[in-house]
Amino acid sequence: MAMTFAIDPRLEADTIPLGDMALSRVLLMNDSRFPWLVLVPRRAGLVEITDLTPFERRALFEEAALAVDRLKHLTGAKKINLGALGNIVSQLHFHVVARFETDAAWPGPVWGAGVAKPYDDPQPMLDRFRRALTPDVS
């Protein structure tokens, strides 16, 4: 029986769906302290980057590069962090995080830095990201 794609429940609990790129589901991390996207390739059972075909790997890196570029342009961040850790959620996913010298975790990592501050109303941020990523996100 073929596995079907689903977002890991831990990722689902911490994010808000933004839309889909050609390969990846795009999620907004529900932490208003950091402009933070998560790209999850829509293939079942992925853990490592090598679980993708060579074509899919190139597509994922192109989507990540686009997300980095648009996030940098949209936020004016000093640095965009891109990472695929997987120690807690093993499902293959890329974090794309806009960082500022004034943010709550600078210069350290965002993971485990204080308590997440969920968006009061995520819609304006979702709309900004959708516009920035259009036509790449549907």
C-alpha atoms as a PDB file:
ATOM      1  CA  MET A   1       0.000   0.000   0.000  1.00  0.00           C
ATOM      2  CA  ALA A   2       1.405   3.391  -0.986  1.00  0.00           C
ATOM      3  CA  MET A   3       1.996   5.946   1.726  1.00  0.00           C
ATOM      4  CA  THR A   4       0.259   9.285   1.370  1.00  0.00           C
ATOM      5  CA  PHE A   5       1.842  12.637   2.094  1.00  0.00           C
ATOM      6  CA  ALA A   6       0.921  14.268   5.397  1.00  0.00           C
ATOM      7  CA  ILE A   7       2.543  16.981   7.481  1.00  0.00           C
ATOM      8  CA  ASP A   8       4.032  15.680  10.728  1.00  0.00           C
ATOM      9  CA  PRO A   9       1.589  16.548  13.556  1.00  0.00           C
ATOM     10  CA  ARG A  10       4.293  18.496  15.431  1.00  0.00           C
ATOM     11  CA  LEU A  11       4.933  20.722  12.405  1.00  0.00           C
ATOM     12  CA  GLU A  12       1.200  21.056  11.847  1.00  0.00           C
ATOM     13  CA  ALA A  13       0.696  22.187  15.462  1.00  0.00           C
ATOM     14  CA  ASP A  14       3.336  24.944  15.202  1.00  0.00           C
ATOM     15  CA  THR A  15       2.548  26.335  11.744  1.00  0.00           C
ATOM     16  CA  ILE A  16      -0.112  27.886   9.537  1.00  0.00           C
ATOM     17  CA  PRO A  17      -0.513  26.640   5.939  1.00  0.00           C
ATOM     18  CA  LEU A  18       0.521  29.250   3.382  1.00  0.00           C
ATOM     19  CA  GLY A  19       0.224  27.335   0.095  1.00  0.00           C
ATOM     20  CA  ASP A  20       2.022  24.995  -2.263  1.00  0.00           C
ATOM     21  CA  MET A  21       4.993  25.426  -4.561  1.00  0.00           C
ATOM     22  CA  ALA A  22       5.667  22.896  -7.324  1.00  0.00           C
ATOM     23  CA  LEU A  23       7.228  20.430  -4.849  1.00  0.00           C
ATOM     24  CA  SER A  24       6.825  21.843  -1.358  1.00  0.00           C
ATOM     25  CA  ARG A  25       4.030  22.771   0.996  1.00  0.00           C
ATOM     26  CA  VAL A  26       4.864  26.202   2.435  1.00  0.00           C
ATOM     27  CA  LEU A  27       4.043  26.839   6.081  1.00  0.00           C
ATOM     28  CA  LEU A  28       4.323  29.950   8.237  1.00  0.00           C
ATOM     29  CA  MET A  29       5.777  29.253  11.673  1.00  0.00           C
ATOM     30  CA  ASN A  30       3.256  30.572  14.194  1.00  0.00           C
ATOM     31  CA  ASP A  31       5.814  32.675  16.079  1.00  0.00           C
ATOM     32  CA  SER A  32       5.472  36.392  15.416  1.00  0.00           C
ATOM     33  CA  ARG A  33       8.957  37.065  16.818  1.00  0.00           C
ATOM     34  CA  PHE A  34      10.542  35.727  13.626  1.00  0.00           C
ATOM     35  CA  PRO A  35       9.437  35.860   9.961  1.00  0.00           C
ATOM     36  CA  TRP A  36       9.800  32.121   9.420  1.00  0.00           C
ATOM     37  CA  LEU A  37       8.762  29.816   6.595  1.00  0.00           C
ATOM     38  CA  VAL A  38       8.948  26.028   6.498  1.00  0.00           C
ATOM     39  CA  LEU A  39       9.148  24.138   3.193  1.00  0.00           C
ATOM     40  CA  VAL A  40       7.989  20.511   3.292  1.00  0.00           C
ATOM     41  CA  PRO A  41       8.375  18.453   0.096  1.00  0.00           C
ATOM     42  CA  ARG A  42       5.015  16.821  -0.666  1.00  0.00           C
ATOM     43  CA  ARG A  43       6.306  13.267  -0.851  1.00  0.00           C
ATOM     44  CA  ALA A  44       5.516  10.557   1.695  1.00  0.00           C
ATOM     45  CA  GLY A  45       8.209   9.041   3.885  1.00  0.00           C
ATOM     46  CA  LEU A  46      11.018  11.550   3.276  1.00  0.00           C
ATOM     47  CA  VAL A  47      13.631  11.860   6.010  1.00  0.00           C
ATOM     48  CA  GLU A  48      16.904  12.756   4.296  1.00  0.00           C
ATOM     49  CA  ILE A  49      17.610  14.987   1.300  1.00  0.00           C
ATOM     50  CA  THR A  50      18.895  11.838  -0.439  1.00  0.00           C
ATOM     51  CA  ASP A  51      15.380  10.350  -0.248  1.00  0.00           C
ATOM     52  CA  LEU A  52      14.445  12.760  -3.062  1.00  0.00           C
ATOM     53  CA  THR A  53      15.313  12.060  -6.677  1.00  0.00           C
ATOM     54  CA  PRO A  54      18.110  14.224  -8.109  1.00  0.00           C
ATOM     55  CA  PHE A  55      15.458  16.253  -9.984  1.00  0.00           C
ATOM     56  CA  GLU A  56      13.437  16.759  -6.774  1.00  0.00           C
ATOM     57  CA  ARG A  57      16.577  17.791  -4.857  1.00  0.00           C
ATOM     58  CA  ARG A  58      17.276  20.495  -7.424  1.00  0.00           C
ATOM     59  CA  ALA A  59      13.634  21.605  -7.289  1.00  0.00           C
ATOM     60  CA  LEU A  60      13.710  21.811  -3.482  1.00  0.00           C
ATOM     61  CA  PHE A  61      16.894  23.889  -3.497  1.00  0.00           C
ATOM     62  CA  GLU A  62      15.395  26.208  -6.131  1.00  0.00           C
ATOM     63  CA  GLU A  63      12.274  26.629  -3.987  1.00  0.00           C
ATOM     64  CA  ALA A  64      14.441  27.281  -0.920  1.00  0.00           C
ATOM     65  CA  ALA A  65      16.513  29.846  -2.834  1.00  0.00           C
ATOM     66  CA  LEU A  66      13.331  31.588  -3.964  1.00  0.00           C
ATOM     67  CA  ALA A  67      11.998  31.630  -0.387  1.00  0.00           C
ATOM     68  CA  VAL A  68      15.323  33.045   0.879  1.00  0.00           C
ATOM     69  CA  ASP A  69      15.332  35.749  -1.794  1.00  0.00           C
ATOM     70  CA  ARG A  70      11.715  36.779  -1.236  1.00  0.00           C
ATOM     71  CA  LEU A  71      12.002  36.695   2.562  1.00  0.00           C
ATOM     72  CA  LYS A  72      15.141  38.858   2.427  1.00  0.00           C
ATOM     73  CA  HIS A  73      13.455  41.338   0.070  1.00  0.00           C
ATOM     74  CA  LEU A  74      10.210  41.391   2.064  1.00  0.00           C
ATOM     75  CA  THR A  75      11.756  41.826   5.514  1.00  0.00           C
ATOM     76  CA  GLY A  76      15.093  43.572   4.931  1.00  0.00           C
ATOM     77  CA  ALA A  77      16.650  40.989   7.272  1.00  0.00           C
ATOM     78  CA  LYS A  78      20.371  41.097   8.054  1.00  0.00           C
ATOM     79  CA  LYS A  79      20.623  37.331   7.413  1.00  0.00           C
ATOM     80  CA  ILE A  80      18.334  34.549   6.265  1.00  0.00           C
ATOM     81  CA  ASN A  81      18.946  31.246   8.037  1.00  0.00           C
ATOM     82  CA  LEU A  82      18.237  28.084   6.041  1.00  0.00           C
ATOM     83  CA  GLY A  83      18.304  24.771   7.832  1.00  0.00           C
ATOM     84  CA  ALA A  84      17.132  21.171   7.741  1.00  0.00           C
ATOM     85  CA  LEU A  85      17.774  19.668  11.162  1.00  0.00           C
ATOM     86  CA  GLY A  86      15.261  16.887  11.750  1.00  0.00           C
ATOM     87  CA  ASN A  87      16.326  15.932  15.263  1.00  0.00           C
ATOM     88  CA  ILE A  88      12.799  16.348  16.648  1.00  0.00           C
ATOM     89  CA  VAL A  89      10.664  16.139  13.488  1.00  0.00           C
ATOM     90  CA  SER A  90      12.342  13.652  11.159  1.00  0.00           C
ATOM     91  CA  GLN A  91      10.109  14.488   8.168  1.00  0.00           C
ATOM     92  CA  LEU A  92      12.297  16.300   5.629  1.00  0.00           C
ATOM     93  CA  HIS A  93      11.657  20.039   5.852  1.00  0.00           C
ATOM     94  CA  PHE A  94      13.612  23.269   5.412  1.00  0.00           C
ATOM     95  CA  HIS A  95      13.376  26.199   7.810  1.00  0.00           C
ATOM     96  CA  VAL A  96      13.795  29.632   6.195  1.00  0.00           C
ATOM     97  CA  VAL A  97      14.116  32.257   8.941  1.00  0.00           C
ATOM     98  CA  ALA A  98      14.648  36.015   8.614  1.00  0.00           C
ATOM     99  CA  ARG A  99      17.102  37.188  11.273  1.00  0.00           C
ATOM    100  CA  PHE A 100      17.785  40.634  12.679  1.00  0.00           C
ATOM    101  CA  GLU A 101      20.408  41.835  15.145  1.00  0.00           C
ATOM    102  CA  THR A 102      17.481  43.012  17.289  1.00  0.00           C
ATOM    103  CA  ASP A 103      15.544  39.718  17.298  1.00  0.00           C
ATOM    104  CA  ALA A 104      14.890  37.725  20.461  1.00  0.00           C
ATOM    105  CA  ALA A 105      17.503  35.060  19.702  1.00  0.00           C
ATOM    106  CA  TRP A 106      20.294  36.970  17.910  1.00  0.00           C
ATOM    107  CA  PRO A 107      22.986  35.806  17.339  1.00  0.00           C
ATOM    108  CA  GLY A 108      21.995  32.340  18.550  1.00  0.00           C
ATOM    109  CA  PRO A 109      19.597  29.876  16.941  1.00  0.00           C
ATOM    110  CA  VAL A 110      15.844  30.493  17.007  1.00  0.00           C
ATOM    111  CA  TRP A 111      15.104  26.992  18.300  1.00  0.00           C
ATOM    112  CA  GLY A 112      14.529  26.999  22.039  1.00  0.00           C
ATOM    113  CA  ALA A 113      14.960  30.788  22.308  1.00  0.00           C
ATOM    114  CA  GLY A 114      12.264  31.860  24.721  1.00  0.00           C
ATOM    115  CA  VAL A 115       8.582  31.178  24.247  1.00  0.00           C
ATOM    116  CA  ALA A 116       6.875  31.389  20.862  1.00  0.00           C
ATOM    117  CA  LYS A 117       4.508  34.337  20.474  1.00  0.00           C
ATOM    118  CA  PRO A 118       1.667  33.197  18.193  1.00  0.00           C
ATOM    119  CA  TYR A 119       0.289  35.725  15.729  1.00  0.00           C
ATOM    120  CA  ASP A 120      -2.796  37.548  17.040  1.00  0.00           C
ATOM    121  CA  ASP A 121      -3.990  37.650  13.432  1.00  0.00           C
ATOM    122  CA  PRO A 122      -1.769  35.759  10.976  1.00  0.00           C
ATOM    123  CA  GLN A 123      -3.746  36.851   7.903  1.00  0.00           C
ATOM    124  CA  PRO A 124      -1.737  40.030   7.112  1.00  0.00           C
ATOM    125  CA  MET A 125       1.547  38.076   7.259  1.00  0.00           C
ATOM    126  CA  LEU A 126       0.089  35.233   5.184  1.00  0.00           C
ATOM    127  CA  ASP A 127      -1.102  37.756   2.592  1.00  0.00           C
ATOM    128  CA  ARG A 128       2.332  39.460   2.459  1.00  0.00           C
ATOM    129  CA  PHE A 129       4.115  36.148   1.927  1.00  0.00           C
ATOM    130  CA  ARG A 130       1.589  34.933  -0.658  1.00  0.00           C
ATOM    131  CA  ARG A 131       1.995  38.151  -2.654  1.00  0.00           C
ATOM    132  CA  ALA A 132       5.798  37.924  -2.394  1.00  0.00           C
ATOM    133  CA  LEU A 133       5.863  34.298  -3.546  1.00  0.00           C
ATOM    134  CA  THR A 134       3.199  34.577  -6.274  1.00  0.00           C
ATOM    135  CA  PRO A 135       3.019  32.924  -8.805  1.00  0.00           C
ATOM    136  CA  ASP A 136       5.171  30.285  -7.127  1.00  0.00           C
ATOM    137  CA  VAL A 137       2.703  29.617  -4.293  1.00  0.00           C
ATOM    138  CA  SER A 138      -0.874  28.616  -4.994  1.00  0.00           C
END
